[in-house]
Amino acid sequence: MKKFKKFYLEITSICNLACSFCPPTERQKQFISVDDFSKRLDEIKPYTDFIYLHVKGEPLLHPRIDQLLDIAHDKGFKVNITTNGTLINKNKHKLLNKPALRQMNFSLHSFDGHEGSVDREGYVKSVLSFIKEATSQSELIVSLRLWNLTQDNMTNLEKQRNRQTLEMVEEEFDLAYKIEEKVTPGSGVKIAERIFINQDYEFQWPALHEEEDDGKGFCYGLRNQAGILANGTVIPCCLDGEGIINLGNVNDKPFSDIIEGDRAKKLVDGFSQRVAVEELCRKCGYRKRFGK
């Protein structure tokens, strides 16, 4: 039986922001019910021990996020949450001392484009304050994520904002050095015990209207990762935010049958031969990171 290192279990398709780098979700806006969450955990338990509570949507919007974490713990899962961090003060009492919570990733670049709605300094400081409190009480791992804005196509204002964010981190953690603005694939800068800064280049979500390439290459979709959207649609990877590669729906068919279905097998077999058989995959720039 195949094991997935990452399993994306989307708990809501709703987000409280409209970031320029994240296309709006065209699917129905919804929150997963507690019962459906529990059922889906039972279905995927033989396949993974690690779940990520997002594909699209902001996980901290879910009104029962604390209950979902408790259920995950009872069923033996470790949980990773990726959040924009704007709701951390409102929800920190639901997150602190939750044994299921293994890692939290804060997308600090989510702030850009929302001047006026959120105080930038207050936003960053609220995230850093939570991180200090949470890591002092548990073994939580934290990643502070930022786009690397040293590229030529970034504006001076964007670069300035990025530097300001890094300076707030440097000050809060009393660092004796400046965090270098560079991308180091597969690693980040450790700024404290279990706390890291991870910088990466901004990527583009794949979409059917994008230009198609030659289809050659490799991807780990359905090899080390899979996902289920809030509506029950099974997807091969975290970048299929609209469920275009619809492998089946767990509300209609067992997950075990879906990932052994014809469409799933053709996708995996195709990448074994370094060929993208799905149209969306041929329009996914992220695939190029793995070479040909």
Protein backbone atom coordinates (compact mmCIF):
# COMPACT_ATOMS: atom_id res chain seq x y z
CA MET A 1 0.00 0.00 0.00
CA LYS A 2 1.40 3.39 -1.01
CA LYS A 3 2.16 5.91 1.71
CA PHE A 4 1.90 9.66 1.19
CA LYS A 5 4.36 11.96 2.96
CA LYS A 6 1.87 14.82 2.56
CA PHE A 7 -1.89 14.66 2.45
CA TYR A 8 -3.84 17.86 1.86
CA LEU A 9 -7.23 17.74 3.57
CA GLU A 10 -8.95 21.03 2.78
CA ILE A 11 -11.25 22.12 5.60
CA THR A 12 -12.61 25.26 3.92
CA SER A 13 -12.62 26.77 0.44
CA ILE A 14 -13.11 30.27 1.88
CA CYS A 15 -10.39 32.87 2.47
CA ASN A 16 -10.53 36.24 4.20
CA LEU A 17 -7.99 37.78 1.80
CA ALA A 18 -7.72 38.20 -1.96
CA CYS A 19 -3.99 38.04 -2.61
CA SER A 20 -2.70 38.81 -6.09
CA PHE A 21 -0.62 35.59 -6.24
CA CYS A 22 -3.58 33.34 -5.40
CA PRO A 23 -6.41 33.11 -7.96
CA PRO A 24 -9.93 33.29 -6.50
CA THR A 25 -11.65 29.97 -5.88
CA GLU A 26 -14.48 29.30 -8.29
CA ARG A 27 -15.82 26.36 -6.28
CA GLN A 28 -18.68 26.51 -3.82
CA LYS A 29 -17.77 28.27 -0.59
CA GLN A 30 -18.00 25.81 2.26
CA PHE A 31 -16.60 24.47 5.50
CA ILE A 32 -16.10 20.76 6.05
CA SER A 33 -18.36 19.34 8.77
CA VAL A 34 -16.84 17.70 11.83
CA ASP A 35 -18.43 14.37 10.86
CA ASP A 36 -17.07 14.48 7.29
CA PHE A 37 -13.62 15.41 8.59
CA SER A 38 -13.65 12.40 10.91
CA LYS A 39 -14.82 10.07 8.12
CA ARG A 40 -12.12 11.29 5.75
CA LEU A 41 -9.44 10.73 8.35
CA ASP A 42 -10.61 7.14 8.70
CA GLU A 43 -10.41 6.65 4.94
CA ILE A 44 -6.88 8.02 4.54
CA LYS A 45 -5.41 6.60 7.75
CA PRO A 46 -3.83 3.58 6.02
CA TYR A 47 -2.08 5.93 3.59
CA THR A 48 -0.56 8.69 5.71
CA ASP A 49 0.21 9.99 9.18
CA PHE A 50 0.62 13.65 8.18
CA ILE A 51 -2.17 15.96 7.05
CA TYR A 52 -2.14 19.54 5.82
CA LEU A 53 -5.38 21.42 6.47
CA HIS A 54 -5.49 23.42 3.27
CA VAL A 55 -5.43 23.49 -0.48
CA LYS A 56 -7.22 26.76 -0.97
CA GLY A 57 -8.94 28.68 1.79
CA GLU A 58 -7.77 29.97 5.18
CA PRO A 59 -7.83 27.16 7.78
CA LEU A 60 -8.18 29.52 10.75
CA LEU A 61 -11.56 30.62 9.41
CA HIS A 62 -13.00 27.23 10.32
CA PRO A 63 -15.10 27.80 13.45
CA ARG A 64 -14.25 24.35 14.84
CA ILE A 65 -10.55 24.21 14.09
CA ASP A 66 -9.88 23.18 17.69
CA GLN A 67 -12.24 20.21 17.43
CA LEU A 68 -10.66 19.13 14.16
CA LEU A 69 -7.23 19.17 15.80
CA ASP A 70 -8.50 17.06 18.70
CA ILE A 71 -10.07 14.52 16.33
CA ALA A 72 -6.85 14.33 14.33
CA HIS A 73 -4.91 13.65 17.51
CA ASP A 74 -7.34 10.95 18.63
CA LYS A 75 -6.87 9.21 15.28
CA GLY A 76 -3.07 9.40 15.37
CA PHE A 77 -2.38 12.17 12.84
CA LYS A 78 0.17 14.95 12.93
CA VAL A 79 -1.14 18.22 11.49
CA ASN A 80 0.48 21.02 9.49
CA ILE A 81 -1.33 24.30 9.01
CA THR A 82 -0.49 26.98 6.45
CA THR A 83 -2.09 30.30 7.25
CA ASN A 84 -1.89 33.96 6.27
CA GLY A 85 -1.74 34.71 10.00
CA THR A 86 -4.24 37.56 10.04
CA LEU A 87 -6.59 35.66 12.37
CA ILE A 88 -3.97 34.38 14.79
CA ASN A 89 -4.97 36.58 17.75
CA LYS A 90 -8.61 35.56 17.41
CA ASN A 91 -7.79 31.86 17.25
CA LYS A 92 -4.68 31.32 19.33
CA HIS A 93 -6.66 29.82 22.22
CA LYS A 94 -7.82 27.12 19.80
CA LEU A 95 -4.25 26.29 18.73
CA LEU A 96 -2.10 26.44 21.84
CA ASN A 97 -1.22 23.12 23.47
CA LYS A 98 -2.82 21.00 20.76
CA PRO A 99 -0.69 17.81 20.60
CA ALA A 100 -1.71 17.07 16.99
CA LEU A 101 -0.25 20.34 15.73
CA ARG A 102 3.21 19.55 14.36
CA GLN A 103 3.99 22.60 12.21
CA MET A 104 2.58 26.00 11.31
CA ASN A 105 3.59 27.89 8.19
CA PHE A 106 2.89 31.62 8.09
CA SER A 107 2.71 33.17 4.62
CA LEU A 108 3.90 36.65 5.53
CA HIS A 109 3.78 37.72 1.89
CA SER A 110 -0.03 37.48 2.16
CA PHE A 111 -0.04 40.97 3.62
CA ASP A 112 1.05 42.64 0.39
CA GLY A 113 -1.80 44.22 -1.48
CA HIS A 114 -3.87 44.72 1.67
CA GLU A 115 -2.60 48.03 2.95
CA GLY A 116 -5.35 49.84 4.82
CA SER A 117 -7.13 46.68 5.93
CA VAL A 118 -4.34 45.44 8.19
CA ASP A 119 -1.62 47.28 10.07
CA ARG A 120 1.56 45.73 8.66
CA GLU A 121 3.69 46.11 11.78
CA GLY A 122 0.88 44.96 14.05
CA TYR A 123 0.22 41.97 11.80
CA VAL A 124 3.81 40.76 11.82
CA LYS A 125 4.22 41.34 15.54
CA SER A 126 1.03 39.41 16.36
CA VAL A 127 2.34 36.44 14.38
CA LEU A 128 5.75 36.58 16.04
CA SER A 129 4.19 36.92 19.49
CA PHE A 130 2.09 33.81 18.92
CA ILE A 131 5.11 31.89 17.66
CA LYS A 132 7.13 32.69 20.76
CA GLU A 133 4.28 31.65 23.06
CA ALA A 134 3.45 28.47 21.14
CA THR A 135 7.02 27.22 20.79
CA SER A 136 7.71 27.84 24.47
CA GLN A 137 4.83 25.52 25.38
CA SER A 138 5.26 22.75 22.83
CA GLU A 139 7.52 21.19 20.19
CA LEU A 140 5.78 23.11 17.41
CA ILE A 141 7.85 23.77 14.27
CA VAL A 142 7.32 27.14 12.58
CA SER A 143 8.13 28.36 9.09
CA LEU A 144 7.88 32.05 8.26
CA ARG A 145 7.42 32.19 4.51
CA LEU A 146 8.30 35.08 2.26
CA TRP A 147 8.62 35.49 -1.48
CA ASN A 148 12.19 36.27 -2.42
CA LEU A 149 11.92 39.76 -3.85
CA THR A 150 15.46 40.29 -5.13
CA GLN A 151 14.32 39.43 -8.64
CA ASP A 152 14.46 42.14 -11.29
CA ASN A 153 10.71 41.98 -11.91
CA MET A 154 9.88 43.04 -8.36
CA THR A 155 9.26 46.70 -7.58
CA ASN A 156 11.38 48.71 -5.19
CA LEU A 157 8.34 49.05 -2.89
CA GLU A 158 7.93 45.27 -2.74
CA LYS A 159 11.62 44.83 -1.95
CA GLN A 160 11.39 47.52 0.72
CA ARG A 161 8.41 45.86 2.38
CA ASN A 162 10.18 42.52 2.36
CA ARG A 163 13.22 44.03 4.02
CA GLN A 164 11.03 45.71 6.64
CA THR A 165 9.43 42.37 7.49
CA LEU A 166 12.81 40.72 7.87
CA GLU A 167 13.98 43.58 10.09
CA MET A 168 11.00 43.05 12.40
CA VAL A 169 11.93 39.38 12.67
CA GLU A 170 15.58 40.26 13.35
CA GLU A 171 14.56 42.66 16.11
CA GLU A 172 11.96 40.37 17.71
CA PHE A 173 14.42 37.47 17.95
CA ASP A 174 17.38 39.73 18.79
CA LEU A 175 19.45 38.38 15.90
CA ALA A 176 23.07 39.50 15.69
CA TYR A 177 22.98 39.30 11.90
CA LYS A 178 20.85 40.43 8.97
CA ILE A 179 18.82 37.71 7.29
CA GLU A 180 20.19 37.36 3.78
CA GLU A 181 17.60 37.70 1.05
CA LYS A 182 18.21 34.61 -1.03
CA VAL A 183 16.58 31.34 -1.94
CA THR A 184 18.20 28.13 -0.71
CA PRO A 185 16.22 25.20 -2.17
CA GLY A 186 15.08 22.70 0.44
CA SER A 187 16.21 24.68 3.45
CA GLY A 188 15.66 27.87 5.38
CA VAL A 189 17.40 30.13 7.87
CA LYS A 190 17.08 28.96 11.48
CA ILE A 191 16.38 32.00 13.65
CA ALA A 192 15.53 30.15 16.88
CA GLU A 193 14.86 26.63 18.08
CA ARG A 194 12.33 25.06 15.64
CA ILE A 195 11.69 28.47 13.97
CA PHE A 196 12.80 29.11 10.38
CA ILE A 197 12.60 31.74 7.66
CA ASN A 198 11.92 30.17 4.27
CA GLN A 199 12.23 32.28 1.14
CA ASP A 200 11.17 31.12 -2.29
CA TYR A 201 10.37 32.51 -5.70
CA GLU A 202 6.74 33.32 -6.35
CA PHE A 203 5.10 30.59 -8.39
CA GLN A 204 2.11 30.67 -10.68
CA TRP A 205 -0.88 28.42 -10.03
CA PRO A 206 -1.49 26.11 -13.00
CA ALA A 207 -4.65 26.84 -14.99
CA LEU A 208 -6.19 25.51 -18.18
CA HIS A 209 -5.98 28.92 -19.87
CA GLU A 210 -2.19 28.99 -19.52
CA GLU A 211 0.16 28.01 -22.33
CA GLU A 212 0.90 24.31 -22.66
CA ASP A 213 4.49 23.04 -22.81
CA ASP A 214 5.94 19.85 -24.32
CA GLY A 215 4.56 17.77 -21.47
CA LYS A 216 7.89 16.26 -20.53
CA GLY A 217 8.97 16.07 -16.91
CA PHE A 218 8.24 14.56 -13.54
CA CYS A 219 5.98 15.24 -10.58
CA TYR A 220 5.39 13.70 -7.17
CA GLY A 221 1.61 13.97 -7.43
CA LEU A 222 0.05 10.69 -6.20
CA ARG A 223 3.55 9.49 -5.30
CA ASN A 224 4.29 11.34 -2.09
CA GLN A 225 1.17 13.51 -1.92
CA ALA A 226 -2.56 13.62 -2.62
CA GLY A 227 -5.49 15.68 -1.41
CA ILE A 228 -9.20 15.94 -0.84
CA LEU A 229 -11.01 19.24 -1.36
CA ALA A 230 -13.71 20.42 1.02
CA ASN A 231 -16.38 19.14 -1.37
CA GLY A 232 -14.90 15.63 -1.34
CA THR A 233 -13.06 15.75 -4.69
CA VAL A 234 -9.81 13.75 -4.65
CA ILE A 235 -6.88 15.53 -6.35
CA PRO A 236 -3.30 14.41 -7.06
CA CYS A 237 -1.49 17.42 -5.63
CA CYS A 238 -1.86 20.67 -3.69
CA LEU A 239 -1.74 22.85 -6.84
CA ASP A 240 -4.99 21.54 -8.31
CA GLY A 241 -6.97 24.14 -6.40
CA GLU A 242 -10.12 23.81 -8.51
CA GLY A 243 -10.25 20.02 -8.69
CA ILE A 244 -9.66 19.96 -12.43
CA ILE A 245 -7.97 16.55 -12.20
CA ASN A 246 -11.04 15.07 -10.50
CA LEU A 247 -10.06 11.52 -9.60
CA GLY A 248 -13.38 10.87 -7.88
CA ASN A 249 -15.36 11.98 -4.86
CA VAL A 250 -15.12 10.35 -1.44
CA ASN A 251 -18.80 11.12 -0.87
CA ASP A 252 -19.58 8.65 -3.66
CA LYS A 253 -16.74 6.13 -3.61
CA PRO A 254 -14.08 4.91 -1.12
CA PHE A 255 -10.76 6.72 -1.29
CA SER A 256 -8.97 3.39 -1.71
CA ASP A 257 -10.89 2.74 -4.94
CA ILE A 258 -10.36 6.26 -6.26
CA ILE A 259 -6.55 6.21 -6.12
CA GLU A 260 -6.53 2.82 -7.82
CA GLY A 261 -8.80 4.09 -10.61
CA ASP A 262 -7.83 4.41 -14.27
CA ARG A 263 -7.25 8.16 -14.24
CA ALA A 264 -5.02 7.99 -11.18
CA LYS A 265 -2.99 5.09 -12.61
CA LYS A 266 -2.50 6.82 -15.96
CA LEU A 267 -1.21 9.95 -14.23
CA VAL A 268 1.34 8.01 -12.16
CA ASP A 269 2.41 5.77 -15.05
CA GLY A 270 2.83 8.82 -17.27
CA PHE A 271 5.21 10.52 -14.87
CA SER A 272 7.13 7.24 -14.52
CA GLN A 273 7.91 7.77 -18.21
CA ARG A 274 8.51 11.51 -17.66
CA VAL A 275 5.31 12.43 -19.49
CA ALA A 276 2.44 14.61 -18.20
CA VAL A 277 -0.77 12.96 -19.38
CA GLU A 278 -3.12 15.53 -17.80
CA GLU A 279 -3.68 18.87 -19.52
CA LEU A 280 -3.36 20.78 -16.24
CA CYS A 281 -0.01 19.12 -15.57
CA ARG A 282 1.27 20.26 -18.98
CA LYS A 283 0.42 23.80 -17.92
CA CYS A 284 2.07 23.62 -14.51
CA GLY A 285 5.33 25.50 -14.18
CA TYR A 286 6.06 23.94 -10.80
CA ARG A 287 6.63 20.59 -12.52
CA LYS A 288 9.69 22.09 -14.23
CA ARG A 289 11.46 22.30 -10.88
CA PHE A 290 12.00 18.54 -11.04
CA GLY A 291 13.64 18.69 -14.48
CA LYS A 292 13.06 16.34 -17.38
